[in-house]
Amino acid sequence: MDLVEQVYILIRKLPKEEIYALSSQIRRSAVSIPSNIAEGQKRKSSKEFSNFLSVSKGSNAELQTQLMICNRLNYLTKEETEPVINLTVEIDKMLEKLIHTLQ
């Protein structure tokens, strides 16, 4: 949830022409991470939960990539995106450990 909040604050800095493109995709990726965790947790089995956690990992990787694209296009500086990217790295580690625990 902290990641989603940080992403929403960060994408306000993107150019207006990206509101329906990159901004929208970044928001969807970020929101997908906790949403899939929540949905998976309510499933009936650890295997299903693990699958939803894997989807969250994928969305997390998408988000990292999209933030790197923002850097490459000079929409955001590395200083602006670094704290958010660092948080995605931590989330990836947590998801990986949880998946391993469920298997």
PDB file of N, CA and C in Angstrom:
ATOM      1  N   MET A   1       0.823  -1.190   0.000  1.00  0.00           N
ATOM      2  CA  MET A   1       0.000   0.000   0.000  1.00  0.00           C
ATOM      3  C   MET A   1       0.876   1.267   0.000  1.00  0.00           C
ATOM      4  N   ASP A   2       2.002   1.209   0.741  1.00  0.00           N
ATOM      5  CA  ASP A   2       2.926   2.351   0.733  1.00  0.00           C
ATOM      6  C   ASP A   2       3.453   2.601  -0.678  1.00  0.00           C
ATOM      7  N   LEU A   3       3.727   1.516  -1.389  1.00  0.00           N
ATOM      8  CA  LEU A   3       4.228   1.646  -2.755  1.00  0.00           C
ATOM      9  C   LEU A   3       3.210   2.355  -3.640  1.00  0.00           C
ATOM     10  N   VAL A   4       1.959   1.952  -3.550  1.00  0.00           N
ATOM     11  CA  VAL A   4       0.912   2.582  -4.362  1.00  0.00           C
ATOM     12  C   VAL A   4       0.841   4.078  -4.062  1.00  0.00           C
ATOM     13  N   GLU A   5       0.884   4.409  -2.801  1.00  0.00           N
ATOM     14  CA  GLU A   5       0.830   5.816  -2.405  1.00  0.00           C
ATOM     15  C   GLU A   5       2.014   6.594  -2.992  1.00  0.00           C
ATOM     16  N   GLN A   6       3.207   6.033  -2.882  1.00  0.00           N
ATOM     17  CA  GLN A   6       4.394   6.716  -3.418  1.00  0.00           C
ATOM     18  C   GLN A   6       4.321   6.861  -4.932  1.00  0.00           C
ATOM     19  N   VAL A   7       3.803   5.838  -5.599  1.00  0.00           N
ATOM     20  CA  VAL A   7       3.681   5.884  -7.062  1.00  0.00           C
ATOM     21  C   VAL A   7       2.702   6.977  -7.482  1.00  0.00           C
ATOM     22  N   TYR A   8       1.570   7.049  -6.810  1.00  0.00           N
ATOM     23  CA  TYR A   8       0.584   8.073  -7.164  1.00  0.00           C
ATOM     24  C   TYR A   8       1.152   9.482  -6.989  1.00  0.00           C
ATOM     25  N   ILE A   9       1.944   9.684  -5.971  1.00  0.00           N
ATOM     26  CA  ILE A   9       2.588  10.986  -5.762  1.00  0.00           C
ATOM     27  C   ILE A   9       3.601  11.256  -6.876  1.00  0.00           C
ATOM     28  N   LEU A  10       4.375  10.251  -7.227  1.00  0.00           N
ATOM     29  CA  LEU A  10       5.426  10.394  -8.228  1.00  0.00           C
ATOM     30  C   LEU A  10       4.871  10.674  -9.619  1.00  0.00           C
ATOM     31  N   ILE A  11       3.823   9.979 -10.012  1.00  0.00           N
ATOM     32  CA  ILE A  11       3.349  10.136 -11.395  1.00  0.00           C
ATOM     33  C   ILE A  11       2.688  11.486 -11.654  1.00  0.00           C
ATOM     34  N   ARG A  12       2.395  12.224 -10.612  1.00  0.00           N
ATOM     35  CA  ARG A  12       1.882  13.593 -10.805  1.00  0.00           C
ATOM     36  C   ARG A  12       2.902  14.469 -11.512  1.00  0.00           C
ATOM     37  N   LYS A  13       4.164  14.040 -11.496  1.00  0.00           N
ATOM     38  CA  LYS A  13       5.240  14.815 -12.110  1.00  0.00           C
ATOM     39  C   LYS A  13       5.412  14.508 -13.597  1.00  0.00           C
ATOM     40  N   LEU A  14       4.693  13.496 -14.088  1.00  0.00           N
ATOM     41  CA  LEU A  14       4.831  13.138 -15.508  1.00  0.00           C
ATOM     42  C   LEU A  14       4.131  14.165 -16.391  1.00  0.00           C
ATOM     43  N   PRO A  15       4.591  14.291 -17.639  1.00  0.00           N
ATOM     44  CA  PRO A  15       3.952  15.237 -18.561  1.00  0.00           C
ATOM     45  C   PRO A  15       2.479  14.885 -18.795  1.00  0.00           C
ATOM     46  N   LYS A  16       1.687  15.902 -19.043  1.00  0.00           N
ATOM     47  CA  LYS A  16       0.244  15.704 -19.258  1.00  0.00           C
ATOM     48  C   LYS A  16      -0.049  14.766 -20.419  1.00  0.00           C
ATOM     49  N   GLU A  17       0.806  14.765 -21.430  1.00  0.00           N
ATOM     50  CA  GLU A  17       0.543  13.894 -22.586  1.00  0.00           C
ATOM     51  C   GLU A  17       0.676  12.408 -22.244  1.00  0.00           C
ATOM     52  N   GLU A  18       1.223  12.111 -21.098  1.00  0.00           N
ATOM     53  CA  GLU A  18       1.371  10.710 -20.669  1.00  0.00           C
ATOM     54  C   GLU A  18       0.239  10.237 -19.746  1.00  0.00           C
ATOM     55  N   ILE A  19      -0.745  11.090 -19.513  1.00  0.00           N
ATOM     56  CA  ILE A  19      -1.787  10.752 -18.547  1.00  0.00           C
ATOM     57  C   ILE A  19      -2.563   9.483 -18.933  1.00  0.00           C
ATOM     58  N   TYR A  20      -2.769   9.245 -20.219  1.00  0.00           N
ATOM     59  CA  TYR A  20      -3.521   8.065 -20.646  1.00  0.00           C
ATOM     60  C   TYR A  20      -2.619   6.943 -21.139  1.00  0.00           C
ATOM     61  N   ALA A  21      -1.339   7.151 -21.089  1.00  0.00           N
ATOM     62  CA  ALA A  21      -0.398   6.138 -21.562  1.00  0.00           C
ATOM     63  C   ALA A  21       0.434   5.635 -20.391  1.00  0.00           C
ATOM     64  N   LEU A  22       1.627   6.161 -20.249  1.00  0.00           N
ATOM     65  CA  LEU A  22       2.565   5.678 -19.239  1.00  0.00           C
ATOM     66  C   LEU A  22       2.026   5.864 -17.817  1.00  0.00           C
ATOM     67  N   SER A  23       1.435   7.005 -17.528  1.00  0.00           N
ATOM     68  CA  SER A  23       0.879   7.244 -16.180  1.00  0.00           C
ATOM     69  C   SER A  23      -0.169   6.201 -15.834  1.00  0.00           C
ATOM     70  N   SER A  24      -1.041   5.938 -16.765  1.00  0.00           N
ATOM     71  CA  SER A  24      -2.105   4.962 -16.540  1.00  0.00           C
ATOM     72  C   SER A  24      -1.539   3.564 -16.325  1.00  0.00           C
ATOM     73  N   GLN A  25      -0.574   3.194 -17.128  1.00  0.00           N
ATOM     74  CA  GLN A  25       0.036   1.863 -17.004  1.00  0.00           C
ATOM     75  C   GLN A  25       0.779   1.717 -15.676  1.00  0.00           C
ATOM     76  N   ILE A  26       1.458   2.757 -15.257  1.00  0.00           N
ATOM     77  CA  ILE A  26       2.172   2.730 -13.974  1.00  0.00           C
ATOM     78  C   ILE A  26       1.186   2.561 -12.828  1.00  0.00           C
ATOM     79  N   ARG A  27       0.091   3.301 -12.873  1.00  0.00           N
ATOM     80  CA  ARG A  27      -0.934   3.171 -11.823  1.00  0.00           C
ATOM     81  C   ARG A  27      -1.488   1.753 -11.776  1.00  0.00           C
ATOM     82  N   ARG A  28      -1.799   1.191 -12.932  1.00  0.00           N
ATOM     83  CA  ARG A  28      -2.356  -0.173 -12.982  1.00  0.00           C
ATOM     84  C   ARG A  28      -1.375  -1.192 -12.425  1.00  0.00           C
ATOM     85  N   SER A  29      -0.116  -1.072 -12.783  1.00  0.00           N
ATOM     86  CA  SER A  29       0.898  -2.001 -12.271  1.00  0.00           C
ATOM     87  C   SER A  29       1.007  -1.906 -10.756  1.00  0.00           C
ATOM     88  N   ALA A  30       1.067  -0.682 -10.254  1.00  0.00           N
ATOM     89  CA  ALA A  30       1.224  -0.488  -8.808  1.00  0.00           C
ATOM     90  C   ALA A  30       0.018  -1.016  -8.041  1.00  0.00           C
ATOM     91  N   VAL A  31      -1.172  -0.709  -8.497  1.00  0.00           N
ATOM     92  CA  VAL A  31      -2.392  -1.144  -7.808  1.00  0.00           C
ATOM     93  C   VAL A  31      -2.556  -2.660  -7.887  1.00  0.00           C
ATOM     94  N   SER A  32      -2.080  -3.245  -8.953  1.00  0.00           N
ATOM     95  CA  SER A  32      -2.192  -4.690  -9.147  1.00  0.00           C
ATOM     96  C   SER A  32      -1.426  -5.487  -8.088  1.00  0.00           C
ATOM     97  N   ILE A  33      -0.346  -4.928  -7.585  1.00  0.00           N
ATOM     98  CA  ILE A  33       0.491  -5.660  -6.622  1.00  0.00           C
ATOM     99  C   ILE A  33      -0.285  -5.985  -5.344  1.00  0.00           C
ATOM    100  N   PRO A  34      -0.769  -5.010  -4.584  1.00  0.00           N
ATOM    101  CA  PRO A  34      -1.511  -5.367  -3.365  1.00  0.00           C
ATOM    102  C   PRO A  34      -2.861  -6.012  -3.665  1.00  0.00           C
ATOM    103  N   SER A  35      -3.461  -5.675  -4.803  1.00  0.00           N
ATOM    104  CA  SER A  35      -4.758  -6.258  -5.147  1.00  0.00           C
ATOM    105  C   SER A  35      -4.652  -7.767  -5.337  1.00  0.00           C
ATOM    106  N   ASN A  36      -3.617  -8.208  -6.030  1.00  0.00           N
ATOM    107  CA  ASN A  36      -3.440  -9.647  -6.237  1.00  0.00           C
ATOM    108  C   ASN A  36      -3.047 -10.365  -4.951  1.00  0.00           C
ATOM    109  N   ILE A  37      -2.296  -9.698  -4.097  1.00  0.00           N
ATOM    110  CA  ILE A  37      -1.963 -10.291  -2.800  1.00  0.00           C
ATOM    111  C   ILE A  37      -3.253 -10.506  -2.008  1.00  0.00           C
ATOM    112  N   ALA A  38      -4.101  -9.494  -1.963  1.00  0.00           N
ATOM    113  CA  ALA A  38      -5.360  -9.593  -1.218  1.00  0.00           C
ATOM    114  C   ALA A  38      -6.266 -10.672  -1.794  1.00  0.00           C
ATOM    115  N   GLU A  39      -6.400 -10.695  -3.110  1.00  0.00           N
ATOM    116  CA  GLU A  39      -7.265 -11.704  -3.733  1.00  0.00           C
ATOM    117  C   GLU A  39      -6.738 -13.112  -3.491  1.00  0.00           C
ATOM    118  N   GLY A  40      -5.449 -13.282  -3.655  1.00  0.00           N
ATOM    119  CA  GLY A  40      -4.848 -14.600  -3.447  1.00  0.00           C
ATOM    120  C   GLY A  40      -4.981 -15.085  -2.015  1.00  0.00           C
ATOM    121  N   GLN A  41      -4.876 -14.167  -1.073  1.00  0.00           N
ATOM    122  CA  GLN A  41      -4.970 -14.539   0.340  1.00  0.00           C
ATOM    123  C   GLN A  41      -6.349 -15.092   0.676  1.00  0.00           C
ATOM    124  N   LYS A  42      -7.359 -14.663  -0.049  1.00  0.00           N
ATOM    125  CA  LYS A  42      -8.724 -15.120   0.197  1.00  0.00           C
ATOM    126  C   LYS A  42      -9.071 -16.407  -0.564  1.00  0.00           C
ATOM    127  N   ARG A  43      -8.156 -16.911  -1.349  1.00  0.00           N
ATOM    128  CA  ARG A  43      -8.400 -18.155  -2.075  1.00  0.00           C
ATOM    129  C   ARG A  43      -8.332 -19.345  -1.129  1.00  0.00           C
ATOM    130  N   LYS A  44      -8.778 -20.478  -1.616  1.00  0.00           N
ATOM    131  CA  LYS A  44      -8.933 -21.650  -0.761  1.00  0.00           C
ATOM    132  C   LYS A  44      -7.662 -22.429  -0.500  1.00  0.00           C
ATOM    133  N   SER A  45      -6.643 -22.237  -1.317  1.00  0.00           N
ATOM    134  CA  SER A  45      -5.442 -23.053  -1.145  1.00  0.00           C
ATOM    135  C   SER A  45      -4.169 -22.221  -1.206  1.00  0.00           C
ATOM    136  N   SER A  46      -3.123 -22.794  -0.633  1.00  0.00           N
ATOM    137  CA  SER A  46      -1.807 -22.150  -0.688  1.00  0.00           C
ATOM    138  C   SER A  46      -1.303 -22.065  -2.119  1.00  0.00           C
ATOM    139  N   LYS A  47      -1.637 -23.062  -2.927  1.00  0.00           N
ATOM    140  CA  LYS A  47      -1.201 -23.059  -4.330  1.00  0.00           C
ATOM    141  C   LYS A  47      -1.816 -21.876  -5.080  1.00  0.00           C
ATOM    142  N   GLU A  48      -3.097 -21.638  -4.863  1.00  0.00           N
ATOM    143  CA  GLU A  48      -3.740 -20.495  -5.513  1.00  0.00           C
ATOM    144  C   GLU A  48      -3.129 -19.181  -5.017  1.00  0.00           C
ATOM    145  N   PHE A  49      -2.921 -19.104  -3.709  1.00  0.00           N
ATOM    146  CA  PHE A  49      -2.311 -17.899  -3.139  1.00  0.00           C
ATOM    147  C   PHE A  49      -0.946 -17.660  -3.769  1.00  0.00           C
ATOM    148  N   SER A  50      -0.165 -18.726  -3.891  1.00  0.00           N
ATOM    149  CA  SER A  50       1.167 -18.633  -4.486  1.00  0.00           C
ATOM    150  C   SER A  50       1.095 -18.114  -5.928  1.00  0.00           C
ATOM    151  N   ASN A  51       0.092 -18.567  -6.668  1.00  0.00           N
ATOM    152  CA  ASN A  51      -0.076 -18.098  -8.047  1.00  0.00           C
ATOM    153  C   ASN A  51      -0.361 -16.596  -8.094  1.00  0.00           C
ATOM    154  N   PHE A  52      -1.196 -16.118  -7.190  1.00  0.00           N
ATOM    155  CA  PHE A  52      -1.500 -14.691  -7.150  1.00  0.00           C
ATOM    156  C   PHE A  52      -0.275 -13.884  -6.717  1.00  0.00           C
ATOM    157  N   LEU A  53       0.526 -14.451  -5.829  1.00  0.00           N
ATOM    158  CA  LEU A  53       1.769 -13.774  -5.440  1.00  0.00           C
ATOM    159  C   LEU A  53       2.718 -13.674  -6.631  1.00  0.00           C
ATOM    160  N   SER A  54       2.734 -14.695  -7.463  1.00  0.00           N
ATOM    161  CA  SER A  54       3.560 -14.652  -8.678  1.00  0.00           C
ATOM    162  C   SER A  54       3.087 -13.559  -9.629  1.00  0.00           C
ATOM    163  N   VAL A  55       1.780 -13.392  -9.732  1.00  0.00           N
ATOM    164  CA  VAL A  55       1.239 -12.310 -10.564  1.00  0.00           C
ATOM    165  C   VAL A  55       1.672 -10.959  -9.992  1.00  0.00           C
ATOM    166  N   SER A  56       1.651 -10.844  -8.662  1.00  0.00           N
ATOM    167  CA  SER A  56       2.111  -9.607  -8.014  1.00  0.00           C
ATOM    168  C   SER A  56       3.574  -9.331  -8.329  1.00  0.00           C
ATOM    169  N   LYS A  57       4.394 -10.390  -8.327  1.00  0.00           N
ATOM    170  CA  LYS A  57       5.812 -10.226  -8.685  1.00  0.00           C
ATOM    171  C   LYS A  57       5.943  -9.709 -10.113  1.00  0.00           C
ATOM    172  N   GLY A  58       5.107 -10.209 -11.000  1.00  0.00           N
ATOM    173  CA  GLY A  58       5.137  -9.747 -12.385  1.00  0.00           C
ATOM    174  C   GLY A  58       4.759  -8.280 -12.501  1.00  0.00           C
ATOM    175  N   SER A  59       3.725  -7.884 -11.784  1.00  0.00           N
ATOM    176  CA  SER A  59       3.311  -6.474 -11.791  1.00  0.00           C
ATOM    177  C   SER A  59       4.398  -5.586 -11.196  1.00  0.00           C
ATOM    178  N   ASN A  60       5.073  -6.099 -10.189  1.00  0.00           N
ATOM    179  CA  ASN A  60       6.172  -5.367  -9.566  1.00  0.00           C
ATOM    180  C   ASN A  60       7.306  -5.156 -10.572  1.00  0.00           C
ATOM    181  N   ALA A  61       7.617  -6.188 -11.339  1.00  0.00           N
ATOM    182  CA  ALA A  61       8.656  -6.075 -12.370  1.00  0.00           C
ATOM    183  C   ALA A  61       8.238  -5.087 -13.458  1.00  0.00           C
ATOM    184  N   GLU A  62       6.960  -5.117 -13.832  1.00  0.00           N
ATOM    185  CA  GLU A  62       6.450  -4.146 -14.807  1.00  0.00           C
ATOM    186  C   GLU A  62       6.647  -2.727 -14.297  1.00  0.00           C
ATOM    187  N   LEU A  63       6.296  -2.517 -13.037  1.00  0.00           N
ATOM    188  CA  LEU A  63       6.430  -1.191 -12.441  1.00  0.00           C
ATOM    189  C   LEU A  63       7.878  -0.721 -12.459  1.00  0.00           C
ATOM    190  N   GLN A  64       8.804  -1.591 -12.090  1.00  0.00           N
ATOM    191  CA  GLN A  64      10.228  -1.236 -12.128  1.00  0.00           C
ATOM    192  C   GLN A  64      10.624  -0.802 -13.538  1.00  0.00           C
ATOM    193  N   THR A  65      10.197  -1.573 -14.525  1.00  0.00           N
ATOM    194  CA  THR A  65      10.528  -1.267 -15.916  1.00  0.00           C
ATOM    195  C   THR A  65       9.941   0.069 -16.349  1.00  0.00           C
ATOM    196  N   GLN A  66       8.714   0.322 -15.985  1.00  0.00           N
ATOM    197  CA  GLN A  66       8.057   1.568 -16.368  1.00  0.00           C
ATOM    198  C   GLN A  66       8.740   2.773 -15.728  1.00  0.00           C
ATOM    199  N   LEU A  67       9.190   2.611 -14.498  1.00  0.00           N
ATOM    200  CA  LEU A  67       9.912   3.709 -13.854  1.00  0.00           C
ATOM    201  C   LEU A  67      11.261   3.943 -14.525  1.00  0.00           C
ATOM    202  N   MET A  68      11.912   2.884 -14.965  1.00  0.00           N
ATOM    203  CA  MET A  68      13.178   3.031 -15.703  1.00  0.00           C
ATOM    204  C   MET A  68      12.937   3.725 -17.042  1.00  0.00           C
ATOM    205  N   ILE A  69      11.809   3.431 -17.670  1.00  0.00           N
ATOM    206  CA  ILE A  69      11.451   4.114 -18.919  1.00  0.00           C
ATOM    207  C   ILE A  69      11.294   5.612 -18.659  1.00  0.00           C
ATOM    208  N   CYS A  70      10.653   5.953 -17.544  1.00  0.00           N
ATOM    209  CA  CYS A  70      10.505   7.379 -17.181  1.00  0.00           C
ATOM    210  C   CYS A  70      11.863   8.049 -17.028  1.00  0.00           C
ATOM    211  N   ASN A  71      12.828   7.318 -16.472  1.00  0.00           N
ATOM    212  CA  ASN A  71      14.196   7.855 -16.362  1.00  0.00           C
ATOM    213  C   ASN A  71      14.808   8.056 -17.740  1.00  0.00           C
ATOM    214  N   ARG A  72      14.683   7.057 -18.581  1.00  0.00           N
ATOM    215  CA  ARG A  72      15.321   7.118 -19.907  1.00  0.00           C
ATOM    216  C   ARG A  72      14.728   8.214 -20.781  1.00  0.00           C
ATOM    217  N   LEU A  73      13.435   8.479 -20.588  1.00  0.00           N
ATOM    218  CA  LEU A  73      12.778   9.537 -21.364  1.00  0.00           C
ATOM    219  C   LEU A  73      12.923  10.906 -20.699  1.00  0.00           C
ATOM    220  N   ASN A  74      13.645  10.944 -19.583  1.00  0.00           N
ATOM    221  CA  ASN A  74      13.858  12.178 -18.816  1.00  0.00           C
ATOM    222  C   ASN A  74      12.554  12.798 -18.310  1.00  0.00           C
ATOM    223  N   TYR A  75      11.564  11.941 -18.053  1.00  0.00           N
ATOM    224  CA  TYR A  75      10.330  12.415 -17.432  1.00  0.00           C
ATOM    225  C   TYR A  75      10.524  12.565 -15.926  1.00  0.00           C
ATOM    226  N   LEU A  76      11.330  11.662 -15.352  1.00  0.00           N
ATOM    227  CA  LEU A  76      11.630  11.682 -13.925  1.00  0.00           C
ATOM    228  C   LEU A  76      13.122  11.459 -13.743  1.00  0.00           C
ATOM    229  N   THR A  77      13.673  12.044 -12.700  1.00  0.00           N
ATOM    230  CA  THR A  77      15.091  11.846 -12.422  1.00  0.00           C
ATOM    231  C   THR A  77      15.291  10.551 -11.634  1.00  0.00           C
ATOM    232  N   LYS A  78      16.517  10.067 -11.647  1.00  0.00           N
ATOM    233  CA  LYS A  78      16.837   8.881 -10.842  1.00  0.00           C
ATOM    234  C   LYS A  78      16.612   9.150  -9.364  1.00  0.00           C
ATOM    235  N   GLU A  79      16.871  10.380  -8.949  1.00  0.00           N
ATOM    236  CA  GLU A  79      16.650  10.737  -7.542  1.00  0.00           C
ATOM    237  C   GLU A  79      15.173  10.633  -7.172  1.00  0.00           C
ATOM    238  N   GLU A  80      14.314  10.937  -8.125  1.00  0.00           N
ATOM    239  CA  GLU A  80      12.871  10.843  -7.873  1.00  0.00           C
ATOM    240  C   GLU A  80      12.383   9.397  -7.846  1.00  0.00           C
ATOM    241  N   THR A  81      12.922   8.584  -8.726  1.00  0.00           N
ATOM    242  CA  THR A  81      12.422   7.205  -8.831  1.00  0.00           C
ATOM    243  C   THR A  81      13.145   6.214  -7.924  1.00  0.00           C
ATOM    244  N   GLU A  82      14.358   6.538  -7.510  1.00  0.00           N
ATOM    245  CA  GLU A  82      15.157   5.594  -6.731  1.00  0.00           C
ATOM    246  C   GLU A  82      14.462   5.082  -5.464  1.00  0.00           C
ATOM    247  N   PRO A  83      13.839   5.948  -4.657  1.00  0.00           N
ATOM    248  CA  PRO A  83      13.174   5.414  -3.452  1.00  0.00           C
ATOM    249  C   PRO A  83      12.044   4.442  -3.789  1.00  0.00           C
ATOM    250  N   VAL A  84      11.335   4.713  -4.861  1.00  0.00           N
ATOM    251  CA  VAL A  84      10.233   3.836  -5.259  1.00  0.00           C
ATOM    252  C   VAL A  84      10.787   2.522  -5.811  1.00  0.00           C
ATOM    253  N   ILE A  85      11.809   2.594  -6.641  1.00  0.00           N
ATOM    254  CA  ILE A  85      12.425   1.375  -7.168  1.00  0.00           C
ATOM    255  C   ILE A  85      13.008   0.545  -6.034  1.00  0.00           C
ATOM    256  N   ASN A  86      13.630   1.190  -5.058  1.00  0.00           N
ATOM    257  CA  ASN A  86      14.159   0.452  -3.908  1.00  0.00           C
ATOM    258  C   ASN A  86      13.043  -0.279  -3.160  1.00  0.00           C
ATOM    259  N   LEU A  87      11.901   0.356  -3.048  1.00  0.00           N
ATOM    260  CA  LEU A  87      10.764  -0.283  -2.393  1.00  0.00           C
ATOM    261  C   LEU A  87      10.277  -1.481  -3.205  1.00  0.00           C
ATOM    262  N   THR A  88      10.294  -1.381  -4.532  1.00  0.00           N
ATOM    263  CA  THR A  88       9.884  -2.523  -5.352  1.00  0.00           C
ATOM    264  C   THR A  88      10.849  -3.692  -5.177  1.00  0.00           C
ATOM    265  N   VAL A  89      12.118  -3.401  -4.982  1.00  0.00           N
ATOM    266  CA  VAL A  89      13.114  -4.465  -4.749  1.00  0.00           C
ATOM    267  C   VAL A  89      12.813  -5.172  -3.430  1.00  0.00           C
ATOM    268  N   GLU A  90      12.494  -4.401  -2.403  1.00  0.00           N
ATOM    269  CA  GLU A  90      12.149  -4.990  -1.099  1.00  0.00           C
ATOM    270  C   GLU A  90      10.871  -5.825  -1.193  1.00  0.00           C
ATOM    271  N   ILE A  91       9.886  -5.315  -1.909  1.00  0.00           N
ATOM    272  CA  ILE A  91       8.625  -6.046  -2.080  1.00  0.00           C
ATOM    273  C   ILE A  91       8.868  -7.348  -2.819  1.00  0.00           C
ATOM    274  N   ASP A  92       9.721  -7.322  -3.827  1.00  0.00           N
ATOM    275  CA  ASP A  92      10.036  -8.545  -4.571  1.00  0.00           C
ATOM    276  C   ASP A  92      10.635  -9.599  -3.640  1.00  0.00           C
ATOM    277  N   LYS A  93      11.526  -9.181  -2.768  1.00  0.00           N
ATOM    278  CA  LYS A  93      12.136 -10.115  -1.810  1.00  0.00           C
ATOM    279  C   LYS A  93      11.080 -10.696  -0.875  1.00  0.00           C
ATOM    280  N   MET A  94      10.183  -9.850  -0.386  1.00  0.00           N
ATOM    281  CA  MET A  94       9.129 -10.328   0.514  1.00  0.00           C
ATOM    282  C   MET A  94       8.203 -11.316  -0.188  1.00  0.00           C
ATOM    283  N   LEU A  95       7.829 -10.992  -1.419  1.00  0.00           N
ATOM    284  CA  LEU A  95       6.959 -11.889  -2.176  1.00  0.00           C
ATOM    285  C   LEU A  95       7.642 -13.228  -2.426  1.00  0.00           C
ATOM    286  N   GLU A  96       8.917 -13.181  -2.778  1.00  0.00           N
ATOM    287  CA  GLU A  96       9.671 -14.413  -3.037  1.00  0.00           C
ATOM    288  C   GLU A  96       9.721 -15.288  -1.792  1.00  0.00           C
ATOM    289  N   LYS A  97       9.976 -14.695  -0.637  1.00  0.00           N
ATOM    290  CA  LYS A  97      10.022 -15.463   0.609  1.00  0.00           C
ATOM    291  C   LYS A  97       8.664 -16.059   0.940  1.00  0.00           C
ATOM    292  N   LEU A  98       7.599 -15.297   0.727  1.00  0.00           N
ATOM    293  CA  LEU A  98       6.266 -15.796   1.007  1.00  0.00           C
ATOM    294  C   LEU A  98       5.904 -16.952   0.069  1.00  0.00           C
ATOM    295  N   ILE A  99       6.238 -16.816  -1.200  1.00  0.00           N
ATOM    296  CA  ILE A  99       5.988 -17.903  -2.162  1.00  0.00           C
ATOM    297  C   ILE A  99       6.737 -19.149  -1.730  1.00  0.00           C
ATOM    298  N   HIS A 100       7.991 -18.982  -1.373  1.00  0.00           N
ATOM    299  CA  HIS A 100       8.819 -20.130  -0.932  1.00  0.00           C
ATOM    300  C   HIS A 100       8.208 -20.793   0.301  1.00  0.00           C
ATOM    301  N   THR A 101       7.712 -19.992   1.224  1.00  0.00           N
ATOM    302  CA  THR A 101       7.099 -20.527   2.448  1.00  0.00           C
ATOM    303  C   THR A 101       5.835 -21.333   2.130  1.00  0.00           C
ATOM    304  N   LEU A 102       5.074 -20.894   1.143  1.00  0.00           N
ATOM    305  CA  LEU A 102       3.830 -21.569   0.797  1.00  0.00           C
ATOM    306  C   LEU A 102       4.053 -22.877   0.044  1.00  0.00           C
ATOM    307  N   GLN A 103       5.228 -23.043  -0.553  1.00  0.00           N
ATOM    308  CA  GLN A 103       5.472 -24.241  -1.366  1.00  0.00           C
ATOM    309  C   GLN A 103       5.982 -25.386  -0.574  1.00  0.00           C
TER     310      GLN A 103
END
